[in-house]
Amino acid sequence: MKIENNIIKHYLKNVYFITGTAYAGKSTTVRMLADRYDMIFCGENYHSRVSDIVADPKLQPDISFMNNLKDWKEFVTRSPEEYERWIFSVSKEAAEFEVAELISISGEKKVIVDTNIPLEILKEISDYDHVAVMLSPQSMSVERFFDRSDPEKQFILNVINSCENPEAVMENYRQGLALINSKKHYDECAQSGFFTVVRQDDGKDTREEVCDRIAKHFGLRK
């Protein structure tokens, strides 16, 4: 069964999406907006609660990869090129799970989402004033990727440190991050036509300012 995009857009009218590159402040902004405007919070990988159970290797092979790992060392030692390919493939496979979940929870209340739904899909299922793109320089998205306390990042860091040659594994993993956050992918986000906020590498705390700007863009501010 195929559902036309105009129908999906109607049912997602209460959903606001934030996407972009790593270390741009997406998770923090989504949490702040959810708290400030009493929105349903959907953080990074919120869909995995269902997709990890439902994914079919024939239909969602890259999501299913996670269920078939021999161990997490296999995850962090893939080639940079394979990691890049996998990340963007998972985004496409997960988009259907995200849309289904968002339709199911957004009927009566606004929802704010930290999403990896591809930009070309967001253009079809949402509107300009419901999407914000947050970007950071590659130096921040790669070099500071693990400078965060969230459990997922720290788990991956611990896996890398447990490998036989952690320095080499870390370098390999960072090369994958560099591809994912390359100028090519950065430019795709920056030139998407969506409202964009760029994080500056100047040490200033701009969380409140960014939150205000995106809230105004979304029409949340009274």
Protein backbone atom coordinates (compact mmCIF):
# COMPACT_ATOMS: atom_id res chain seq x y z
CA MET A 1 0.00 0.00 0.00
CA LYS A 2 1.20 3.50 -0.85
CA ILE A 3 -0.05 6.57 1.00
CA GLU A 4 0.22 9.82 -0.96
CA ASN A 5 2.37 12.57 0.53
CA ASN A 6 -0.47 15.10 0.86
CA ILE A 7 -2.25 12.67 3.20
CA ILE A 8 0.90 12.09 5.25
CA LYS A 9 1.54 15.85 5.47
CA HIS A 10 -1.99 16.39 6.82
CA TYR A 11 -1.50 13.83 9.58
CA LEU A 12 1.92 15.30 10.45
CA LYS A 13 0.64 18.87 10.82
CA ASN A 14 1.47 18.86 14.54
CA VAL A 15 5.05 17.62 14.01
CA TYR A 16 8.13 19.85 13.91
CA PHE A 17 11.42 18.41 12.64
CA ILE A 18 15.01 19.32 13.48
CA THR A 19 17.76 17.73 11.39
CA GLY A 20 21.35 18.49 10.40
CA THR A 21 24.93 17.53 11.16
CA ALA A 22 26.52 16.09 14.30
CA TYR A 23 27.38 18.38 17.23
CA ALA A 24 25.12 21.14 15.92
CA GLY A 25 22.97 21.20 19.07
CA LYS A 26 19.97 19.28 17.72
CA SER A 27 19.35 17.09 20.77
CA THR A 28 19.67 20.00 23.19
CA THR A 29 17.35 22.22 21.15
CA VAL A 30 14.70 19.53 20.77
CA ARG A 31 14.71 18.95 24.53
CA MET A 32 14.53 22.68 25.29
CA LEU A 33 11.63 23.24 22.88
CA ALA A 34 9.75 20.22 24.24
CA ASP A 35 10.10 21.52 27.80
CA ARG A 36 9.38 25.15 26.98
CA TYR A 37 6.29 24.57 24.83
CA ASP A 38 4.94 21.34 26.37
CA MET A 39 5.57 19.31 23.22
CA ILE A 40 6.01 15.57 22.90
CA PHE A 41 9.75 14.89 22.83
CA CYS A 42 11.16 12.47 20.23
CA GLY A 43 14.91 12.24 20.68
CA GLU A 44 17.57 10.66 18.52
CA ASN A 45 16.67 7.13 17.37
CA TYR A 46 13.24 7.30 19.04
CA HIS A 47 11.90 4.96 16.36
CA SER A 48 14.25 2.11 17.32
CA ARG A 49 11.84 0.95 20.02
CA VAL A 50 9.73 -0.45 17.18
CA SER A 51 12.17 -0.78 14.29
CA ASP A 52 14.57 -3.00 16.25
CA ILE A 53 11.72 -5.49 16.69
CA VAL A 54 9.84 -5.16 13.41
CA ALA A 55 12.65 -4.66 10.86
CA ASP A 56 12.84 -7.41 8.25
CA PRO A 57 16.29 -8.22 6.78
CA LYS A 58 14.74 -8.45 3.31
CA LEU A 59 12.98 -5.09 3.59
CA GLN A 60 15.21 -3.15 5.99
CA PRO A 61 18.64 -4.82 5.66
CA ASP A 62 20.65 -1.99 7.21
CA ILE A 63 18.44 -1.59 10.26
CA SER A 64 18.55 -5.37 10.63
CA PHE A 65 22.35 -5.24 10.61
CA MET A 66 22.16 -4.04 14.20
CA ASN A 67 20.29 -7.18 15.24
CA ASN A 68 22.88 -9.46 13.68
CA LEU A 69 26.09 -8.01 15.09
CA LYS A 70 28.56 -10.58 16.39
CA ASP A 71 29.64 -7.87 18.82
CA TRP A 72 29.88 -4.08 18.87
CA LYS A 73 33.49 -4.18 17.78
CA GLU A 74 32.17 -5.20 14.37
CA PHE A 75 30.15 -1.97 14.33
CA VAL A 76 33.09 0.36 15.03
CA THR A 77 35.64 -1.36 12.76
CA ARG A 78 33.79 -1.11 9.46
CA SER A 79 35.46 0.88 6.70
CA PRO A 80 34.69 4.61 6.63
CA GLU A 81 33.00 4.18 3.24
CA GLU A 82 30.77 1.39 4.52
CA TYR A 83 29.88 3.41 7.62
CA GLU A 84 28.90 6.39 5.46
CA ARG A 85 26.79 4.21 3.16
CA TRP A 86 25.11 2.49 6.11
CA ILE A 87 24.23 5.74 7.91
CA PHE A 88 22.35 7.21 4.96
CA SER A 89 20.69 3.92 4.07
CA VAL A 90 19.43 3.52 7.64
CA SER A 91 18.00 7.04 7.48
CA LYS A 92 15.88 6.04 4.49
CA GLU A 93 14.79 2.74 6.01
CA ALA A 94 13.97 4.36 9.35
CA ALA A 95 11.93 7.16 7.74
CA GLU A 96 8.90 4.90 7.34
CA PHE A 97 9.06 3.85 10.99
CA GLU A 98 9.41 7.50 12.01
CA VAL A 99 6.42 8.63 9.97
CA ALA A 100 4.23 5.81 11.30
CA GLU A 101 5.23 6.59 14.90
CA LEU A 102 4.71 10.33 14.47
CA ILE A 103 1.25 9.89 12.96
CA SER A 104 0.30 7.67 15.90
CA ILE A 105 1.33 10.18 18.61
CA SER A 106 0.69 13.62 17.12
CA GLY A 107 -3.08 13.74 16.80
CA GLU A 108 -3.85 16.01 19.75
CA LYS A 109 -0.49 17.53 20.72
CA LYS A 110 2.52 19.13 19.06
CA VAL A 111 5.60 16.94 18.64
CA ILE A 112 9.26 18.00 18.30
CA VAL A 113 11.60 15.53 16.60
CA ASP A 114 15.35 15.01 16.37
CA THR A 115 15.22 13.30 12.99
CA ASN A 116 17.40 11.75 10.30
CA ILE A 117 14.60 11.58 7.74
CA PRO A 118 16.26 12.51 4.42
CA LEU A 119 15.74 16.10 3.33
CA GLU A 120 14.09 15.10 0.07
CA ILE A 121 11.45 13.19 2.03
CA LEU A 122 10.91 16.06 4.48
CA LYS A 123 10.19 18.33 1.52
CA GLU A 124 7.38 15.98 0.49
CA ILE A 125 5.76 15.34 3.89
CA SER A 126 6.23 18.62 5.76
CA ASP A 127 6.29 22.38 5.30
CA TYR A 128 9.04 25.01 5.46
CA ASP A 129 7.84 26.33 8.82
CA HIS A 130 7.88 22.82 10.34
CA VAL A 131 11.52 21.98 9.55
CA ALA A 132 14.81 23.43 10.83
CA VAL A 133 18.32 22.39 9.79
CA MET A 134 21.13 22.78 12.33
CA LEU A 135 24.74 22.69 11.11
CA SER A 136 28.18 22.66 12.70
CA PRO A 137 31.67 22.95 11.15
CA GLN A 138 33.21 19.59 10.28
CA SER A 139 35.94 20.19 12.86
CA MET A 140 33.27 20.20 15.56
CA SER A 141 31.11 17.38 14.20
CA VAL A 142 34.10 15.04 13.95
CA GLU A 143 36.64 16.07 16.58
CA ARG A 144 34.06 16.75 19.31
CA PHE A 145 31.71 13.88 18.48
CA PHE A 146 32.45 12.12 21.78
CA ASP A 147 32.59 15.30 23.90
CA ARG A 148 29.07 14.60 25.09
CA SER A 149 27.66 12.69 28.01
CA ASP A 150 24.72 11.02 26.25
CA PRO A 151 24.75 7.24 26.77
CA GLU A 152 24.89 6.19 23.11
CA LYS A 153 28.03 8.21 22.32
CA GLN A 154 29.75 7.09 25.49
CA PHE A 155 28.86 3.45 24.80
CA ILE A 156 30.50 3.65 21.36
CA LEU A 157 33.53 5.34 22.90
CA ASN A 158 33.85 2.51 25.43
CA VAL A 159 33.60 -0.07 22.64
CA ILE A 160 36.39 1.65 20.72
CA ASN A 161 38.57 1.81 23.81
CA SER A 162 38.05 -1.92 24.40
CA CYS A 163 39.39 -2.86 20.96
CA GLU A 164 42.84 -4.36 20.50
CA ASN A 165 44.25 -1.21 18.91
CA PRO A 166 41.94 1.59 20.11
CA GLU A 167 43.96 4.42 18.52
CA ALA A 168 43.68 2.86 15.07
CA VAL A 169 40.01 2.03 15.57
CA MET A 170 39.29 5.59 16.69
CA GLU A 171 41.07 7.01 13.64
CA ASN A 172 39.09 4.68 11.38
CA TYR A 173 35.83 5.67 13.08
CA ARG A 174 36.63 9.38 12.81
CA GLN A 175 37.31 8.95 9.09
CA GLY A 176 33.79 7.57 8.79
CA LEU A 177 32.42 10.56 10.71
CA ALA A 178 34.36 12.86 8.38
CA LEU A 179 32.67 11.29 5.35
CA ILE A 180 29.23 11.51 6.93
CA ASN A 181 29.85 15.16 7.83
CA SER A 182 31.76 15.99 4.63
CA LYS A 183 31.42 19.25 2.72
CA LYS A 184 29.24 17.44 0.20
CA HIS A 185 26.69 16.42 2.82
CA TYR A 186 27.03 19.76 4.65
CA ASP A 187 26.24 21.61 1.43
CA GLU A 188 23.23 19.39 0.80
CA CYS A 189 21.84 20.53 4.14
CA ALA A 190 22.89 24.17 3.79
CA GLN A 191 21.40 24.42 0.29
CA SER A 192 18.23 22.45 1.04
CA GLY A 193 16.02 25.54 1.08
CA PHE A 194 14.97 24.92 4.68
CA PHE A 195 15.48 27.35 7.57
CA THR A 196 19.07 26.86 8.76
CA VAL A 197 21.03 27.66 11.91
CA VAL A 198 24.83 27.33 11.86
CA ARG A 199 26.69 26.70 15.11
CA GLN A 200 29.79 28.84 15.49
CA ASP A 201 32.99 27.39 16.97
CA ASP A 202 33.61 30.35 19.28
CA GLY A 203 32.89 28.86 22.71
CA LYS A 204 29.81 31.00 23.34
CA ASP A 205 26.70 29.49 24.90
CA THR A 206 24.02 30.17 22.28
CA ARG A 207 21.46 27.61 23.40
CA GLU A 208 18.79 30.10 24.44
CA GLU A 209 19.35 32.24 21.35
CA VAL A 210 19.09 29.27 19.00
CA CYS A 211 16.04 27.94 20.80
CA ASP A 212 14.35 31.35 20.44
CA ARG A 213 15.19 31.56 16.73
CA ILE A 214 13.82 28.12 15.95
CA ALA A 215 10.74 28.63 18.12
CA LYS A 216 10.01 31.83 16.17
CA HIS A 217 10.51 30.01 12.87
CA PHE A 218 8.12 27.25 13.98
CA GLY A 219 5.55 29.82 15.11
CA LEU A 220 5.65 28.51 18.68
CA ARG A 221 6.32 31.86 20.35
CA LYS A 222 3.18 33.69 21.39
